[in-house]
Amino acid sequence: MASSARGAATAAVVCSARELVR
């Protein structure tokens, strides 16, 4: 479960960073 939560958080961060770079 912890892994899934961490994966979701990482995905959100990556998405945010990608949008920022955009």
C-alpha atoms as a PDB file:
ATOM      1  CA  MET A   1       0.000   0.000   0.000  1.00  0.00           C
ATOM      2  CA  ALA A   2       2.756   2.436   0.933  1.00  0.00           C
ATOM      3  CA  SER A   3       4.384   1.781  -2.432  1.00  0.00           C
ATOM      4  CA  SER A   4       1.169   2.619  -4.289  1.00  0.00           C
ATOM      5  CA  ALA A   5       0.705   5.862  -2.343  1.00  0.00           C
ATOM      6  CA  ARG A   6       4.313   6.828  -3.003  1.00  0.00           C
ATOM      7  CA  GLY A   7       3.925   6.008  -6.711  1.00  0.00           C
ATOM      8  CA  ALA A   8       0.814   8.196  -6.967  1.00  0.00           C
ATOM      9  CA  ALA A   9       2.586  11.072  -5.188  1.00  0.00           C
ATOM     10  CA  THR A  10       5.608  10.741  -7.474  1.00  0.00           C
ATOM     11  CA  ALA A  11       3.365  10.701 -10.554  1.00  0.00           C
ATOM     12  CA  ALA A  12       1.651  13.903  -9.369  1.00  0.00           C
ATOM     13  CA  VAL A  13       5.023  15.588  -8.789  1.00  0.00           C
ATOM     14  CA  VAL A  14       6.284  14.526 -12.211  1.00  0.00           C
ATOM     15  CA  CYS A  15       3.103  15.827 -13.837  1.00  0.00           C
ATOM     16  CA  SER A  16       3.476  19.159 -12.031  1.00  0.00           C
ATOM     17  CA  ALA A  17       7.138  19.467 -12.970  1.00  0.00           C
ATOM     18  CA  ARG A  18       6.339  18.583 -16.584  1.00  0.00           C
ATOM     19  CA  GLU A  19       3.636  21.250 -16.742  1.00  0.00           C
ATOM     20  CA  LEU A  20       6.057  23.766 -15.256  1.00  0.00           C
ATOM     21  CA  VAL A  21       8.651  22.958 -17.900  1.00  0.00           C
ATOM     22  CA  ARG A  22       5.936  23.327 -20.502  1.00  0.00           C
END
